[in-house]
Amino acid sequence: RYESMDRMRKGSVWKNEWVPNQISASPIQNWSSLKVWLYILWKEAPINPWYERGLTRIGCYLCPSSDLADFFIVSRYYSPIEKWFNYLKDYAKRKGIPEKWAESSWRWKNPPTWAGGIKIERNKLRIHFKGEDKWRNVEFNKEINVDRAKNLLFALPPGTWKWEKNLQLDENFLKEGRSLLIRSQECVGCGICLGRCPVNALELKNNMVELEEDKCIHCLDCLGNCPAEEF
């Protein structure tokens, strides 16, 4: 519970909002680090060697929440991490970003003020609805892949959208339609939504989600948390 405010609020048992059907339990939620280590030493339980190398917390070695000291420790014992930092340097060079960004600033979506106000903004898809009647016209801030949009919109109940000269959505399904449109264009291929579908109508193709329309039952269970929308 002392790791973060978010972890503290979860309690001892909670449902993982990112992993479908997973229930997580933390029987030692209220223990301090001292209590945890005393118990481990008492029971002579095996210890992850990364703790002995200097890490205080073990997770994804690419995690942007890690301290620079953590990356230094990992790089001493795990050479493949250099592939990640080389990618960041190449990316910075291609985008005309100072190389210093690849050393530390890449960890922030919105860097702190001491970083000099430098930040990277991506051209996210923005969707606007026009009109006052049952059918709302949909407008986009940039060009989209129409075939992919139509494919995921198929998940909506029949008769709630139509695409003739332009896309129109039923006023009662604007939220769901927006979610599906964003996912259709900005999917990162994580596969989280695949586990939510009760009929296995979703699959990954070319690292993007695709709907098998002949299987879909329009239940919209696939519309849980999605990185394409959240970040």
Protein backbone atom coordinates (compact mmCIF):
# COMPACT_ATOMS: atom_id res chain seq x y z
CA ARG A 1 0.00 0.00 0.00
CA TYR A 2 3.00 2.30 0.43
CA GLU A 3 4.01 1.97 -3.21
CA SER A 4 1.47 4.47 -4.57
CA MET A 5 -1.86 6.14 -3.77
CA ASP A 6 -3.54 4.06 -6.47
CA ARG A 7 -2.24 0.81 -4.99
CA MET A 8 -3.32 1.90 -1.51
CA ARG A 9 -6.92 2.51 -2.62
CA LYS A 10 -7.29 -0.94 -4.19
CA GLY A 11 -7.57 -2.75 -0.89
CA SER A 12 -6.74 -6.42 -0.34
CA VAL A 13 -8.90 -7.83 -3.15
CA TRP A 14 -9.77 -6.12 -6.42
CA LYS A 15 -10.64 -6.74 -10.04
CA ASN A 16 -7.93 -5.84 -12.51
CA GLU A 17 -9.42 -3.26 -14.88
CA TRP A 18 -6.82 -4.01 -17.55
CA VAL A 19 -6.87 -7.82 -17.48
CA PRO A 20 -10.34 -9.30 -18.13
CA ASN A 21 -11.72 -11.75 -15.56
CA GLN A 22 -8.68 -11.45 -13.31
CA ILE A 23 -9.17 -11.02 -9.57
CA SER A 24 -6.10 -9.86 -7.67
CA ALA A 25 -5.44 -10.46 -3.99
CA SER A 26 -2.87 -8.82 -1.71
CA PRO A 27 -2.95 -10.65 1.63
CA ILE A 28 -0.03 -8.55 2.90
CA GLN A 29 -1.45 -5.25 1.61
CA ASN A 30 -0.86 -3.45 4.92
CA TRP A 31 2.63 -4.77 5.59
CA SER A 32 5.59 -2.40 5.51
CA SER A 33 8.74 -3.30 3.56
CA LEU A 34 10.46 -4.08 6.85
CA LYS A 35 7.78 -6.62 7.78
CA VAL A 36 8.00 -8.22 4.34
CA TRP A 37 11.76 -8.65 4.55
CA LEU A 38 11.66 -9.93 8.11
CA TYR A 39 9.12 -12.56 7.06
CA ILE A 40 11.23 -13.58 4.03
CA LEU A 41 14.35 -13.96 6.17
CA TRP A 42 12.43 -15.80 8.88
CA LYS A 43 11.01 -18.32 6.41
CA GLU A 44 14.29 -18.47 4.45
CA ALA A 45 12.30 -17.91 1.28
CA PRO A 46 14.21 -17.57 -2.02
CA ILE A 47 15.08 -13.96 -2.86
CA ASN A 48 15.01 -12.52 -6.35
CA PRO A 49 18.67 -11.73 -7.19
CA TRP A 50 17.70 -8.31 -8.53
CA TYR A 51 17.07 -7.13 -4.98
CA GLU A 52 20.63 -8.06 -4.10
CA ARG A 53 21.83 -6.11 -7.14
CA GLY A 54 20.25 -2.93 -5.82
CA LEU A 55 16.65 -2.72 -7.03
CA THR A 56 14.04 -1.85 -4.41
CA ARG A 57 11.14 -2.83 -6.65
CA ILE A 58 10.98 -5.32 -9.51
CA GLY A 59 8.70 -4.92 -12.49
CA CYS A 60 8.97 -4.25 -16.21
CA TYR A 61 12.54 -3.19 -16.97
CA LEU A 62 11.27 -0.68 -19.57
CA CYS A 63 8.84 0.98 -17.16
CA PRO A 64 8.97 4.79 -17.57
CA SER A 65 8.21 5.16 -13.86
CA SER A 66 11.62 3.72 -13.01
CA ASP A 67 14.37 5.91 -11.60
CA LEU A 68 17.49 6.52 -13.68
CA ALA A 69 19.41 4.63 -10.99
CA ASP A 70 17.24 1.57 -11.73
CA PHE A 71 18.13 1.72 -15.43
CA PHE A 72 21.80 2.00 -14.49
CA ILE A 73 21.58 -1.13 -12.34
CA VAL A 74 19.68 -3.09 -15.00
CA SER A 75 22.16 -2.10 -17.73
CA ARG A 76 25.03 -3.51 -15.64
CA TYR A 77 23.49 -6.99 -15.51
CA TYR A 78 21.16 -7.14 -18.53
CA SER A 79 22.77 -6.03 -21.80
CA PRO A 80 19.61 -6.35 -23.99
CA ILE A 81 18.31 -3.13 -22.42
CA GLU A 82 20.79 -1.31 -24.67
CA LYS A 83 18.55 -2.22 -27.61
CA TRP A 84 15.83 -0.06 -26.05
CA PHE A 85 18.08 2.93 -25.46
CA ASN A 86 19.54 2.65 -28.96
CA TYR A 87 15.99 2.73 -30.32
CA LEU A 88 15.27 5.88 -28.30
CA LYS A 89 18.42 7.55 -29.62
CA ASP A 90 17.54 6.65 -33.21
CA TYR A 91 14.00 7.94 -32.69
CA ALA A 92 15.30 11.22 -31.27
CA LYS A 93 17.64 11.63 -34.22
CA ARG A 94 14.87 10.97 -36.76
CA LYS A 95 12.53 13.42 -35.07
CA GLY A 96 15.11 16.14 -34.50
CA ILE A 97 14.90 15.80 -30.72
CA PRO A 98 17.99 16.52 -28.55
CA GLU A 99 19.77 13.27 -27.69
CA LYS A 100 19.47 14.10 -23.99
CA TRP A 101 15.77 13.30 -24.36
CA ALA A 102 16.69 9.65 -24.96
CA GLU A 103 18.54 9.50 -21.65
CA SER A 104 15.71 10.50 -19.35
CA SER A 105 12.99 12.80 -20.72
CA TRP A 106 11.33 10.02 -22.75
CA ARG A 107 9.78 8.82 -19.49
CA TRP A 108 7.27 11.69 -19.36
CA LYS A 109 4.21 12.31 -21.46
CA ASN A 110 4.21 15.86 -20.06
CA PRO A 111 7.72 16.60 -18.73
CA PRO A 112 8.05 18.63 -15.50
CA THR A 113 8.76 22.35 -15.67
CA TRP A 114 12.46 21.87 -14.93
CA ALA A 115 12.77 20.07 -18.27
CA GLY A 116 12.54 23.44 -20.01
CA GLY A 117 9.02 23.08 -21.37
CA ILE A 118 10.08 20.54 -24.01
CA LYS A 119 7.44 17.96 -24.78
CA ILE A 120 6.20 15.80 -27.62
CA GLU A 121 2.62 15.93 -28.78
CA ARG A 122 1.21 13.32 -31.11
CA ASN A 123 -1.56 14.06 -33.54
CA LYS A 124 -4.27 12.10 -31.73
CA LEU A 125 -7.52 11.29 -33.46
CA ARG A 126 -10.25 13.69 -32.34
CA ILE A 127 -13.91 13.05 -33.04
CA HIS A 128 -16.70 15.62 -33.13
CA PHE A 129 -20.45 15.07 -33.42
CA LYS A 130 -22.62 17.55 -35.32
CA GLY A 131 -26.39 17.86 -35.38
CA GLU A 132 -29.34 17.87 -33.00
CA ASP A 133 -31.59 15.06 -34.24
CA LYS A 134 -31.39 11.28 -33.75
CA TRP A 135 -28.57 10.90 -36.28
CA ARG A 136 -25.33 12.76 -35.53
CA ASN A 137 -22.78 13.46 -38.23
CA VAL A 138 -19.26 12.38 -37.29
CA GLU A 139 -16.26 14.57 -38.12
CA PHE A 140 -12.56 13.76 -37.71
CA ASN A 141 -9.54 16.01 -37.30
CA LYS A 142 -7.50 13.92 -39.73
CA GLU A 143 -7.81 11.29 -42.44
CA ILE A 144 -8.76 7.82 -41.20
CA ASN A 145 -8.72 4.25 -42.48
CA VAL A 146 -12.38 3.84 -43.43
CA ASP A 147 -12.23 0.06 -43.80
CA ARG A 148 -10.87 -0.38 -40.28
CA ALA A 149 -13.46 2.04 -38.89
CA LYS A 150 -16.34 0.17 -40.52
CA ASN A 151 -14.96 -3.14 -39.29
CA LEU A 152 -15.02 -2.20 -35.60
CA LEU A 153 -18.25 -0.20 -35.85
CA PHE A 154 -19.88 -3.50 -36.76
CA ALA A 155 -19.75 -4.27 -33.02
CA LEU A 156 -22.53 -1.72 -32.45
CA PRO A 157 -26.13 -3.00 -32.48
CA PRO A 158 -27.56 -3.16 -36.02
CA GLY A 159 -29.24 0.04 -37.14
CA THR A 160 -27.25 2.35 -34.86
CA TRP A 161 -24.83 3.64 -37.50
CA LYS A 162 -24.73 4.23 -41.24
CA TRP A 163 -22.04 5.30 -43.66
CA GLU A 164 -23.15 6.71 -46.97
CA LYS A 165 -21.45 9.98 -47.96
CA ASN A 166 -20.33 10.36 -44.37
CA LEU A 167 -20.61 8.52 -41.07
CA GLN A 168 -23.68 8.99 -38.89
CA LEU A 169 -24.26 7.57 -35.41
CA ASP A 170 -27.40 7.06 -33.37
CA GLU A 171 -27.48 9.66 -30.58
CA ASN A 172 -27.75 6.87 -28.00
CA PHE A 173 -24.47 5.25 -29.06
CA LEU A 174 -22.11 8.20 -29.40
CA LYS A 175 -19.86 7.12 -26.52
CA GLU A 176 -19.54 3.55 -27.78
CA GLY A 177 -19.07 4.73 -31.36
CA ARG A 178 -16.29 7.11 -30.34
CA SER A 179 -14.48 4.33 -28.49
CA LEU A 180 -14.66 1.94 -31.41
CA LEU A 181 -13.49 4.58 -33.88
CA ILE A 182 -10.46 5.50 -31.77
CA ARG A 183 -9.53 1.86 -31.32
CA SER A 184 -9.90 1.20 -35.03
CA GLN A 185 -7.31 3.86 -35.87
CA GLU A 186 -4.93 3.93 -32.90
CA CYS A 187 -4.84 0.33 -31.67
CA VAL A 188 -1.43 -0.56 -30.21
CA GLY A 189 -1.91 -4.31 -30.49
CA CYS A 190 -1.90 -5.09 -26.75
CA GLY A 191 -4.70 -7.66 -27.10
CA ILE A 192 -6.53 -6.71 -23.89
CA CYS A 193 -9.90 -6.52 -25.64
CA LEU A 194 -9.50 -10.02 -27.10
CA GLY A 195 -9.99 -11.57 -23.68
CA ARG A 196 -13.22 -9.64 -23.09
CA CYS A 197 -15.07 -11.02 -26.11
CA PRO A 198 -17.27 -13.98 -25.06
CA VAL A 199 -17.39 -15.42 -28.58
CA ASN A 200 -13.75 -14.89 -29.63
CA ALA A 201 -14.72 -12.53 -32.43
CA LEU A 202 -11.59 -10.38 -32.05
CA GLU A 203 -8.11 -11.16 -33.32
CA LEU A 204 -4.86 -9.33 -33.97
CA LYS A 205 -3.77 -8.81 -37.57
CA ASN A 206 -0.70 -6.78 -38.42
CA ASN A 207 -0.53 -5.82 -34.74
CA MET A 208 -4.01 -4.23 -34.75
CA VAL A 209 -7.33 -5.57 -33.54
CA GLU A 210 -9.78 -6.84 -36.15
CA LEU A 211 -13.38 -7.99 -35.76
CA GLU A 212 -14.66 -11.23 -37.30
CA GLU A 213 -18.07 -9.89 -38.22
CA ASP A 214 -19.71 -13.28 -38.68
CA LYS A 215 -19.00 -14.11 -35.01
CA CYS A 216 -19.88 -10.77 -33.36
CA ILE A 217 -23.05 -10.72 -31.21
CA HIS A 218 -22.96 -6.90 -30.63
CA CYS A 219 -22.71 -7.25 -26.85
CA LEU A 220 -20.03 -4.52 -26.59
CA ASP A 221 -18.23 -6.39 -23.81
CA CYS A 222 -15.03 -5.49 -25.65
CA LEU A 223 -15.38 -1.84 -24.56
CA GLY A 224 -13.32 -1.88 -21.39
CA ASN A 225 -10.15 0.10 -20.66
CA CYS A 226 -7.98 0.57 -23.74
CA PRO A 227 -4.50 2.17 -24.01
CA ALA A 228 -5.51 3.82 -27.30
CA GLU A 229 -8.11 5.84 -25.40
CA GLU A 230 -6.48 6.21 -22.00
CA PHE A 231 -3.07 7.49 -23.06
